[in-house]
PDB file of all heavy atoms in Angstrom:
ATOM      1  N   SER A   1       0.802  -1.203   0.022  1.00  0.00           N
ATOM      2  CA  SER A   1       0.031   0.016  -0.040  1.00  0.00           C
ATOM      3  C   SER A   1       0.824   1.244   0.005  1.00  0.00           C
ATOM      4  O   SER A   1       0.573   2.148  -0.716  1.00  0.00           O
ATOM      5  CB  SER A   1      -0.932   0.054   1.250  1.00  0.00           C
ATOM      6  OG  SER A   1      -1.751  -1.047   1.262  1.00  0.00           O
ATOM      7  N   HIS A   2       1.917   1.241   0.798  1.00  0.00           N
ATOM      8  CA  HIS A   2       2.807   2.381   0.918  1.00  0.00           C
ATOM      9  C   HIS A   2       3.489   2.617  -0.429  1.00  0.00           C
ATOM     10  O   HIS A   2       3.722   3.799  -0.934  1.00  0.00           O
ATOM     11  CB  HIS A   2       3.864   2.197   2.065  1.00  0.00           C
ATOM     12  CG  HIS A   2       4.907   3.199   2.132  1.00  0.00           C
ATOM     13  ND1 HIS A   2       4.579   4.621   1.981  1.00  0.00           N
ATOM     14  CD2 HIS A   2       6.248   3.094   2.370  1.00  0.00           C
ATOM     15  CE1 HIS A   2       5.736   5.220   2.233  1.00  0.00           C
ATOM     16  NE2 HIS A   2       6.654   4.357   2.395  1.00  0.00           N
ATOM     17  N   ALA A   3       3.945   1.571  -1.128  1.00  0.00           N
ATOM     18  CA  ALA A   3       4.654   1.757  -2.394  1.00  0.00           C
ATOM     19  C   ALA A   3       3.784   2.306  -3.480  1.00  0.00           C
ATOM     20  O   ALA A   3       4.169   3.244  -4.157  1.00  0.00           O
ATOM     21  CB  ALA A   3       5.129   0.358  -2.808  1.00  0.00           C
ATOM     22  N   VAL A   4       2.481   1.886  -3.421  1.00  0.00           N
ATOM     23  CA  VAL A   4       1.521   2.436  -4.467  1.00  0.00           C
ATOM     24  C   VAL A   4       1.188   3.844  -4.141  1.00  0.00           C
ATOM     25  O   VAL A   4       1.212   4.707  -5.068  1.00  0.00           O
ATOM     26  CB  VAL A   4       0.297   1.568  -4.427  1.00  0.00           C
ATOM     27  CG1 VAL A   4      -0.725   2.188  -5.401  1.00  0.00           C
ATOM     28  CG2 VAL A   4       0.641   0.144  -4.955  1.00  0.00           C
ATOM     29  N   ALA A   5       0.829   4.146  -2.820  1.00  0.00           N
ATOM     30  CA  ALA A   5       0.421   5.556  -2.484  1.00  0.00           C
ATOM     31  C   ALA A   5       1.594   6.480  -2.682  1.00  0.00           C
ATOM     32  O   ALA A   5       1.319   7.574  -3.093  1.00  0.00           O
ATOM     33  CB  ALA A   5      -0.051   5.517  -1.035  1.00  0.00           C
ATOM     34  N   SER A   6       2.761   6.228  -2.262  1.00  0.00           N
ATOM     35  CA  SER A   6       3.903   7.054  -2.400  1.00  0.00           C
ATOM     36  C   SER A   6       4.230   7.401  -3.914  1.00  0.00           C
ATOM     37  O   SER A   6       4.556   8.457  -4.240  1.00  0.00           O
ATOM     38  CB  SER A   6       5.135   6.589  -1.701  1.00  0.00           C
ATOM     39  OG  SER A   6       5.503   5.270  -2.133  1.00  0.00           O
ATOM     40  N   SER A   7       4.073   6.244  -4.748  1.00  0.00           N
ATOM     41  CA  SER A   7       4.335   6.483  -6.185  1.00  0.00           C
ATOM     42  C   SER A   7       3.152   7.359  -6.696  1.00  0.00           C
ATOM     43  O   SER A   7       3.514   8.266  -7.613  1.00  0.00           O
ATOM     44  CB  SER A   7       4.266   5.097  -6.802  1.00  0.00           C
ATOM     45  OG  SER A   7       4.416   5.184  -8.249  1.00  0.00           O
ATOM     46  N   TRP A   8       1.987   7.247  -6.246  1.00  0.00           N
ATOM     47  CA  TRP A   8       0.887   8.076  -6.732  1.00  0.00           C
ATOM     48  C   TRP A   8       1.117   9.544  -6.423  1.00  0.00           C
ATOM     49  O   TRP A   8       0.874  10.448  -7.240  1.00  0.00           O
ATOM     50  CB  TRP A   8      -0.390   7.662  -6.041  1.00  0.00           C
ATOM     51  CG  TRP A   8      -1.690   8.026  -6.748  1.00  0.00           C
ATOM     52  CD1 TRP A   8      -1.797   8.986  -7.640  1.00  0.00           C
ATOM     53  CD2 TRP A   8      -2.824   7.360  -6.571  1.00  0.00           C
ATOM     54  NE1 TRP A   8      -3.115   9.020  -8.095  1.00  0.00           N
ATOM     55  CE2 TRP A   8      -3.815   8.005  -7.466  1.00  0.00           C
ATOM     56  CE3 TRP A   8      -3.406   6.233  -5.903  1.00  0.00           C
ATOM     57  CZ2 TRP A   8      -5.191   7.685  -7.590  1.00  0.00           C
ATOM     58  CZ3 TRP A   8      -4.707   5.923  -5.964  1.00  0.00           C
ATOM     59  CH2 TRP A   8      -5.641   6.662  -6.778  1.00  0.00           C
ATOM     60  N   VAL A   9       1.656   9.784  -5.155  1.00  0.00           N
ATOM     61  CA  VAL A   9       2.025  11.170  -4.895  1.00  0.00           C
ATOM     62  C   VAL A   9       3.033  11.763  -5.769  1.00  0.00           C
ATOM     63  O   VAL A   9       2.925  12.849  -6.269  1.00  0.00           O
ATOM     64  CB  VAL A   9       2.517  11.215  -3.364  1.00  0.00           C
ATOM     65  CG1 VAL A   9       3.102  12.661  -3.089  1.00  0.00           C
ATOM     66  CG2 VAL A   9       1.485  10.945  -2.401  1.00  0.00           C
ATOM     67  N   GLY A  10       4.071  10.998  -6.160  1.00  0.00           N
ATOM     68  CA  GLY A  10       5.172  11.388  -7.029  1.00  0.00           C
ATOM     69  C   GLY A  10       4.650  11.777  -8.474  1.00  0.00           C
ATOM     70  O   GLY A  10       5.059  12.675  -9.074  1.00  0.00           O
ATOM     71  N   ARG A  11       3.580  10.954  -8.904  1.00  0.00           N
ATOM     72  CA  ARG A  11       3.088  11.143 -10.149  1.00  0.00           C
ATOM     73  C   ARG A  11       2.067  12.334 -10.222  1.00  0.00           C
ATOM     74  O   ARG A  11       1.878  13.018 -11.218  1.00  0.00           O
ATOM     75  CB  ARG A  11       2.395   9.871 -10.659  1.00  0.00           C
ATOM     76  CG  ARG A  11       3.365   8.698 -10.875  1.00  0.00           C
ATOM     77  CD  ARG A  11       2.674   7.490 -11.495  1.00  0.00           C
ATOM     78  NE  ARG A  11       3.518   6.265 -11.452  1.00  0.00           N
ATOM     79  CZ  ARG A  11       3.223   5.206 -12.087  1.00  0.00           C
ATOM     80  NH1 ARG A  11       2.098   5.144 -12.823  1.00  0.00           N
ATOM     81  NH2 ARG A  11       4.094   4.149 -12.112  1.00  0.00           N
ATOM     82  N   ARG A  12       1.284  12.423  -9.102  1.00  0.00           N
ATOM     83  CA  ARG A  12       0.195  13.373  -9.064  1.00  0.00           C
ATOM     84  C   ARG A  12       0.722  14.783  -8.921  1.00  0.00           C
ATOM     85  O   ARG A  12       0.096  15.715  -9.569  1.00  0.00           O
ATOM     86  CB  ARG A  12      -0.709  13.037  -7.906  1.00  0.00           C
ATOM     87  CG  ARG A  12      -1.949  13.851  -7.801  1.00  0.00           C
ATOM     88  CD  ARG A  12      -3.003  13.436  -8.774  1.00  0.00           C
ATOM     89  NE  ARG A  12      -4.129  14.316  -8.751  1.00  0.00           N
ATOM     90  CZ  ARG A  12      -5.268  14.163  -9.455  1.00  0.00           C
ATOM     91  NH1 ARG A  12      -5.314  13.096 -10.308  1.00  0.00           N
ATOM     92  NH2 ARG A  12      -6.258  15.098  -9.506  1.00  0.00           N
ATOM     93  N   ALA A  13       1.690  14.988  -8.116  1.00  0.00           N
ATOM     94  CA  ALA A  13       2.259  16.392  -7.886  1.00  0.00           C
ATOM     95  C   ALA A  13       3.030  16.858  -9.102  1.00  0.00           C
ATOM     96  O   ALA A  13       3.901  16.276  -9.550  1.00  0.00           O
ATOM     97  CB  ALA A  13       3.158  16.387  -6.680  1.00  0.00           C
ATOM     98  N   LYS A  14       2.498  17.934  -9.678  1.00  0.00           N
ATOM     99  CA  LYS A  14       3.094  18.514 -10.907  1.00  0.00           C
ATOM    100  C   LYS A  14       4.111  19.641 -10.571  1.00  0.00           C
ATOM    101  O   LYS A  14       4.997  19.918 -11.362  1.00  0.00           O
ATOM    102  CB  LYS A  14       2.067  19.081 -11.801  1.00  0.00           C
ATOM    103  CG  LYS A  14       0.951  18.104 -12.298  1.00  0.00           C
ATOM    104  CD  LYS A  14       1.632  16.829 -12.801  1.00  0.00           C
ATOM    105  CE  LYS A  14       0.555  15.789 -13.244  1.00  0.00           C
ATOM    106  NZ  LYS A  14       1.139  14.568 -13.695  1.00  0.00           N
ATOM    107  N   THR A  15       3.885  20.289  -9.367  1.00  0.00           N
ATOM    108  CA  THR A  15       4.810  21.335  -9.014  1.00  0.00           C
ATOM    109  C   THR A  15       5.171  21.029  -7.473  1.00  0.00           C
ATOM    110  O   THR A  15       4.394  20.363  -6.749  1.00  0.00           O
ATOM    111  CB  THR A  15       4.205  22.702  -9.034  1.00  0.00           C
ATOM    112  OG1 THR A  15       3.051  22.808  -8.317  1.00  0.00           O
ATOM    113  CG2 THR A  15       3.841  23.086 -10.631  1.00  0.00           C
ATOM    114  N   ALA A  16       6.357  21.715  -6.974  1.00  0.00           N
ATOM    115  CA  ALA A  16       6.713  21.501  -5.591  1.00  0.00           C
ATOM    116  C   ALA A  16       6.691  20.057  -5.206  1.00  0.00           C
ATOM    117  O   ALA A  16       6.090  19.790  -4.128  1.00  0.00           O
ATOM    118  CB  ALA A  16       5.831  22.422  -4.724  1.00  0.00           C
ATOM    119  N   ARG A  17       7.311  19.272  -5.986  1.00  0.00           N
ATOM    120  CA  ARG A  17       7.231  17.822  -5.613  1.00  0.00           C
ATOM    121  C   ARG A  17       7.981  17.495  -4.306  1.00  0.00           C
ATOM    122  O   ARG A  17       7.477  16.603  -3.640  1.00  0.00           O
ATOM    123  CB  ARG A  17       7.934  16.969  -6.780  1.00  0.00           C
ATOM    124  CG  ARG A  17       7.090  16.786  -8.029  1.00  0.00           C
ATOM    125  CD  ARG A  17       7.859  16.167  -9.123  1.00  0.00           C
ATOM    126  NE  ARG A  17       6.959  15.706 -10.118  1.00  0.00           N
ATOM    127  CZ  ARG A  17       7.318  15.497 -11.352  1.00  0.00           C
ATOM    128  NH1 ARG A  17       8.597  15.585 -11.699  1.00  0.00           N
ATOM    129  NH2 ARG A  17       6.521  15.178 -12.317  1.00  0.00           N
ATOM    130  N   GLY A  18       8.965  18.168  -3.997  1.00  0.00           N
ATOM    131  CA  GLY A  18       9.602  17.950  -2.734  1.00  0.00           C
ATOM    132  C   GLY A  18       8.685  18.224  -1.529  1.00  0.00           C
ATOM    133  O   GLY A  18       8.617  17.448  -0.593  1.00  0.00           O
ATOM    134  N   LEU A  19       7.861  19.288  -1.678  1.00  0.00           N
ATOM    135  CA  LEU A  19       6.800  19.587  -0.623  1.00  0.00           C
ATOM    136  C   LEU A  19       5.747  18.557  -0.593  1.00  0.00           C
ATOM    137  O   LEU A  19       5.258  18.155   0.489  1.00  0.00           O
ATOM    138  CB  LEU A  19       6.237  21.007  -0.914  1.00  0.00           C
ATOM    139  CG  LEU A  19       5.221  21.462   0.101  1.00  0.00           C
ATOM    140  CD1 LEU A  19       5.809  21.547   1.523  1.00  0.00           C
ATOM    141  CD2 LEU A  19       4.663  22.829  -0.279  1.00  0.00           C
ATOM    142  N   ALA A  20       5.279  18.112  -1.763  1.00  0.00           N
ATOM    143  CA  ALA A  20       4.292  17.001  -1.820  1.00  0.00           C
ATOM    144  C   ALA A  20       4.750  15.782  -1.128  1.00  0.00           C
ATOM    145  O   ALA A  20       4.083  15.108  -0.347  1.00  0.00           O
ATOM    146  CB  ALA A  20       3.882  16.766  -3.215  1.00  0.00           C
ATOM    147  N   SER A  21       6.004  15.362  -1.487  1.00  0.00           N
ATOM    148  CA  SER A  21       6.502  14.220  -0.870  1.00  0.00           C
ATOM    149  C   SER A  21       6.648  14.337   0.664  1.00  0.00           C
ATOM    150  O   SER A  21       6.363  13.432   1.423  1.00  0.00           O
ATOM    151  CB  SER A  21       7.949  13.878  -1.353  1.00  0.00           C
ATOM    152  OG  SER A  21       7.877  13.650  -2.765  1.00  0.00           O
ATOM    153  N   ALA A  22       7.131  15.549   1.066  1.00  0.00           N
ATOM    154  CA  ALA A  22       7.155  15.804   2.472  1.00  0.00           C
ATOM    155  C   ALA A  22       5.955  15.867   3.345  1.00  0.00           C
ATOM    156  O   ALA A  22       5.842  15.268   4.459  1.00  0.00           O
ATOM    157  CB  ALA A  22       8.013  17.130   2.753  1.00  0.00           C
ATOM    158  N   LEU A  23       4.846  16.296   2.693  1.00  0.00           N
ATOM    159  CA  LEU A  23       3.544  16.306   3.234  1.00  0.00           C
ATOM    160  C   LEU A  23       3.050  14.884   3.482  1.00  0.00           C
ATOM    161  O   LEU A  23       2.472  14.511   4.451  1.00  0.00           O
ATOM    162  CB  LEU A  23       2.543  17.100   2.413  1.00  0.00           C
ATOM    163  CG  LEU A  23       2.734  18.596   2.481  1.00  0.00           C
ATOM    164  CD1 LEU A  23       1.908  19.287   1.489  1.00  0.00           C
ATOM    165  CD2 LEU A  23       2.472  19.158   3.895  1.00  0.00           C
ATOM    166  N   TYR A  24       3.276  14.040   2.483  1.00  0.00           N
ATOM    167  CA  TYR A  24       2.921  12.612   2.524  1.00  0.00           C
ATOM    168  C   TYR A  24       3.690  11.992   3.666  1.00  0.00           C
ATOM    169  O   TYR A  24       3.046  11.247   4.455  1.00  0.00           O
ATOM    170  CB  TYR A  24       3.252  11.894   1.235  1.00  0.00           C
ATOM    171  CG  TYR A  24       3.008  10.447   1.241  1.00  0.00           C
ATOM    172  CD1 TYR A  24       1.711   9.899   1.085  1.00  0.00           C
ATOM    173  CD2 TYR A  24       4.005   9.554   1.492  1.00  0.00           C
ATOM    174  CE1 TYR A  24       1.470   8.420   1.053  1.00  0.00           C
ATOM    175  CE2 TYR A  24       3.799   8.199   1.682  1.00  0.00           C
ATOM    176  CZ  TYR A  24       2.569   7.697   1.400  1.00  0.00           C
ATOM    177  OH  TYR A  24       2.379   6.302   1.449  1.00  0.00           O
ATOM    178  N   LEU A  25       4.932  12.223   3.713  1.00  0.00           N
ATOM    179  CA  LEU A  25       5.806  11.521   4.658  1.00  0.00           C
ATOM    180  C   LEU A  25       5.574  12.191   6.090  1.00  0.00           C
ATOM    181  O   LEU A  25       5.820  11.441   7.128  1.00  0.00           O
ATOM    182  CB  LEU A  25       7.224  11.564   4.347  1.00  0.00           C
ATOM    183  CG  LEU A  25       7.589  10.679   3.024  1.00  0.00           C
ATOM    184  CD1 LEU A  25       8.961  10.940   2.594  1.00  0.00           C
ATOM    185  CD2 LEU A  25       7.423   9.182   3.437  1.00  0.00           C
ATOM    186  N   TRP A  26       5.265  13.437   6.056  1.00  0.00           N
ATOM    187  CA  TRP A  26       4.868  14.176   7.457  1.00  0.00           C
ATOM    188  C   TRP A  26       3.668  13.323   8.034  1.00  0.00           C
ATOM    189  O   TRP A  26       3.702  12.974   9.264  1.00  0.00           O
ATOM    190  CB  TRP A  26       4.509  15.503   7.313  1.00  0.00           C
ATOM    191  CG  TRP A  26       3.912  16.107   8.439  1.00  0.00           C
ATOM    192  CD1 TRP A  26       4.515  16.523   9.553  1.00  0.00           C
ATOM    193  CD2 TRP A  26       2.510  16.294   8.688  1.00  0.00           C
ATOM    194  NE1 TRP A  26       3.584  17.011  10.527  1.00  0.00           N
ATOM    195  CE2 TRP A  26       2.310  16.859  10.005  1.00  0.00           C
ATOM    196  CE3 TRP A  26       1.399  16.092   7.945  1.00  0.00           C
ATOM    197  CZ2 TRP A  26       1.166  17.170  10.606  1.00  0.00           C
ATOM    198  CZ3 TRP A  26       0.175  16.413   8.530  1.00  0.00           C
ATOM    199  CH2 TRP A  26       0.029  16.948   9.742  1.00  0.00           C
ATOM    200  N   ALA A  27       2.663  13.108   7.179  1.00  0.00           N
ATOM    201  CA  ALA A  27       1.510  12.432   7.677  1.00  0.00           C
ATOM    202  C   ALA A  27       1.863  10.960   8.104  1.00  0.00           C
ATOM    203  O   ALA A  27       1.392  10.423   9.090  1.00  0.00           O
ATOM    204  CB  ALA A  27       0.363  12.381   6.591  1.00  0.00           C
ATOM    205  N   TYR A  28       2.767  10.351   7.229  1.00  0.00           N
ATOM    206  CA  TYR A  28       3.248   9.042   7.507  1.00  0.00           C
ATOM    207  C   TYR A  28       3.859   8.818   8.946  1.00  0.00           C
ATOM    208  O   TYR A  28       3.478   8.034   9.715  1.00  0.00           O
ATOM    209  CB  TYR A  28       4.148   8.744   6.392  1.00  0.00           C
ATOM    210  CG  TYR A  28       4.750   7.299   6.323  1.00  0.00           C
ATOM    211  CD1 TYR A  28       4.002   6.251   5.694  1.00  0.00           C
ATOM    212  CD2 TYR A  28       6.040   6.976   6.799  1.00  0.00           C
ATOM    213  CE1 TYR A  28       4.614   4.989   5.608  1.00  0.00           C
ATOM    214  CE2 TYR A  28       6.571   5.704   6.645  1.00  0.00           C
ATOM    215  CZ  TYR A  28       5.852   4.723   6.042  1.00  0.00           C
ATOM    216  OH  TYR A  28       6.418   3.477   5.916  1.00  0.00           O
ATOM    217  N   TYR A  29       4.836   9.625   9.106  1.00  0.00           N
ATOM    218  CA  TYR A  29       5.549   9.569  10.458  1.00  0.00           C
ATOM    219  C   TYR A  29       4.777  10.186  11.629  1.00  0.00           C
ATOM    220  O   TYR A  29       5.032   9.840  12.746  1.00  0.00           O
ATOM    221  CB  TYR A  29       6.956  10.169  10.308  1.00  0.00           C
ATOM    222  CG  TYR A  29       7.793   9.262   9.365  1.00  0.00           C
ATOM    223  CD1 TYR A  29       8.159   9.881   8.095  1.00  0.00           C
ATOM    224  CD2 TYR A  29       8.212   8.050   9.720  1.00  0.00           C
ATOM    225  CE1 TYR A  29       8.844   9.041   7.243  1.00  0.00           C
ATOM    226  CE2 TYR A  29       8.974   7.245   8.867  1.00  0.00           C
ATOM    227  CZ  TYR A  29       9.273   7.766   7.629  1.00  0.00           C
ATOM    228  OH  TYR A  29      10.016   7.060   6.735  1.00  0.00           O
ATOM    229  N   PHE A  30       4.032  11.166  11.365  1.00  0.00           N
ATOM    230  CA  PHE A  30       3.197  11.691  12.396  1.00  0.00           C
ATOM    231  C   PHE A  30       2.216  10.751  12.874  1.00  0.00           C
ATOM    232  O   PHE A  30       1.940  10.575  14.105  1.00  0.00           O
ATOM    233  CB  PHE A  30       2.437  13.007  11.861  1.00  0.00           C
ATOM    234  CG  PHE A  30       1.840  13.783  12.967  1.00  0.00           C
ATOM    235  CD1 PHE A  30       2.703  14.363  13.903  1.00  0.00           C
ATOM    236  CD2 PHE A  30       0.447  14.161  13.034  1.00  0.00           C
ATOM    237  CE1 PHE A  30       2.195  15.073  15.000  1.00  0.00           C
ATOM    238  CE2 PHE A  30      -0.025  14.901  14.035  1.00  0.00           C
ATOM    239  CZ  PHE A  30       0.834  15.388  14.982  1.00  0.00           C
ATOM    240  N   GLY A  31       1.636   9.871  11.934  1.00  0.00           N
ATOM    241  CA  GLY A  31       0.796   8.773  12.302  1.00  0.00           C
ATOM    242  C   GLY A  31       1.536   7.815  13.203  1.00  0.00           C
ATOM    243  O   GLY A  31       1.047   7.229  14.181  1.00  0.00           O
TER     244      GLY A  31
END
């Protein structure tokens, strides 16, 4: 699930990809 969801974030974000990845992982580790 994590591999699919994180890949989806990388494909979905068209700008500020570093921020998109960080928001995903912020939620991941905050959880």
